[in-house]
Amino acid sequence: MSHQKFEYESLQDAKTIKSFLESLIESIEHGRITLKSNGDEIAMNVYDLMKFSVNAKQKDGINKMNIKISWAEKSTGKKNHGVPISISS
């Protein structure tokens, strides 16, 4: 089994982050996510269920949100057991 790692961090405006998230949604819908930056690249096929977690906090005027998505490379046969989450503006 191979091990690949891709990391990216930068300061972006809200419009650029929105565009990235829209591209991510489109990639999930097409079943393959490919991330590229500065010569680094990783491509992952999307399968069945994905584990999804969101953490958000505010402290001393700083807002932070982490979104994590993970999944197995092959179908697990498990069914969705998640509680719905909502997001609004």
Protein backbone atom coordinates (compact mmCIF):
# COMPACT_ATOMS: atom_id res chain seq x y z
CA MET A 1 0.00 0.00 0.00
CA SER A 2 1.44 3.36 -0.99
CA HIS A 3 1.49 6.49 1.14
CA GLN A 4 0.98 9.93 -0.37
CA LYS A 5 0.55 13.23 1.38
CA PHE A 6 -0.54 16.65 0.13
CA GLU A 7 -0.57 19.80 2.25
CA TYR A 8 -1.57 23.33 1.35
CA GLU A 9 -2.03 26.46 3.41
CA SER A 10 -2.32 30.11 2.36
CA LEU A 11 -4.21 33.32 3.02
CA GLN A 12 -7.13 33.60 0.56
CA ASP A 13 -10.11 35.90 0.10
CA ALA A 14 -13.64 34.51 0.61
CA LYS A 15 -14.36 34.41 -3.16
CA THR A 16 -11.32 32.19 -3.82
CA ILE A 17 -12.23 29.82 -0.98
CA LYS A 18 -15.81 29.63 -2.31
CA SER A 19 -14.46 28.70 -5.74
CA PHE A 20 -12.27 25.96 -4.21
CA LEU A 21 -15.22 24.52 -2.26
CA GLU A 22 -17.38 24.53 -5.42
CA SER A 23 -14.62 22.65 -7.27
CA LEU A 24 -14.43 20.18 -4.41
CA ILE A 25 -18.19 19.57 -4.60
CA GLU A 26 -17.94 19.02 -8.36
CA SER A 27 -15.04 16.59 -7.89
CA ILE A 28 -16.99 14.58 -5.30
CA GLU A 29 -19.95 14.42 -7.69
CA HIS A 30 -17.65 13.07 -10.43
CA GLY A 31 -16.09 10.50 -8.08
CA ARG A 32 -12.50 11.74 -8.16
CA ILE A 33 -10.66 14.49 -6.31
CA THR A 34 -7.31 15.71 -7.63
CA LEU A 35 -5.37 18.33 -5.70
CA LYS A 36 -2.40 20.13 -7.27
CA SER A 37 -0.12 22.93 -6.10
CA ASN A 38 3.47 23.91 -6.72
CA GLY A 39 4.39 20.62 -8.41
CA ASP A 40 2.71 18.46 -5.73
CA GLU A 41 -0.31 16.37 -6.68
CA ILE A 42 -2.60 13.76 -5.17
CA ALA A 43 -5.59 12.05 -6.79
CA MET A 44 -8.22 10.12 -4.84
CA ASN A 45 -11.26 8.18 -5.98
CA VAL A 46 -14.42 8.84 -4.01
CA TYR A 47 -16.43 5.84 -2.76
CA ASP A 48 -19.79 5.34 -1.06
CA LEU A 49 -19.95 6.80 2.42
CA MET A 50 -17.58 9.47 3.63
CA LYS A 51 -16.91 10.37 7.24
CA PHE A 52 -17.58 14.09 7.69
CA SER A 53 -16.69 16.22 10.69
CA VAL A 54 -16.84 19.95 11.38
CA ASN A 55 -15.27 21.77 14.31
CA ALA A 56 -15.72 25.51 14.83
CA LYS A 57 -14.67 27.88 17.59
CA GLN A 58 -14.30 31.54 18.42
CA LYS A 59 -11.66 32.84 20.81
CA ASP A 60 -10.36 36.36 21.38
CA GLY A 61 -11.77 37.66 18.08
CA ILE A 62 -10.37 34.76 16.04
CA ASN A 63 -12.74 32.41 14.19
CA LYS A 64 -11.64 28.92 13.24
CA MET A 65 -13.39 26.13 11.35
CA ASN A 66 -11.94 22.73 10.45
CA ILE A 67 -13.69 20.51 7.95
CA LYS A 68 -12.50 16.91 7.67
CA ILE A 69 -13.65 14.31 5.14
CA SER A 70 -12.32 10.76 5.10
CA TRP A 71 -13.29 7.50 3.41
CA ALA A 72 -12.07 4.02 2.64
CA GLU A 73 -10.62 3.21 -0.77
CA LYS A 74 -13.22 0.48 -1.21
CA SER A 75 -16.89 0.24 -0.38
CA THR A 76 -17.52 -0.73 3.23
CA GLY A 77 -21.14 -1.74 2.71
CA LYS A 78 -22.13 0.39 5.71
CA LYS A 79 -25.21 2.61 5.68
CA ASN A 80 -25.52 6.27 6.60
CA HIS A 81 -25.96 6.75 10.35
CA GLY A 82 -25.21 10.46 10.59
CA VAL A 83 -27.30 13.14 12.22
CA PRO A 84 -28.08 15.97 9.76
CA ILE A 85 -26.14 19.23 10.00
CA SER A 86 -27.33 22.54 8.65
CA ILE A 87 -25.43 25.63 7.54
CA SER A 88 -26.86 29.06 6.88
CA SER A 89 -25.71 32.62 6.37
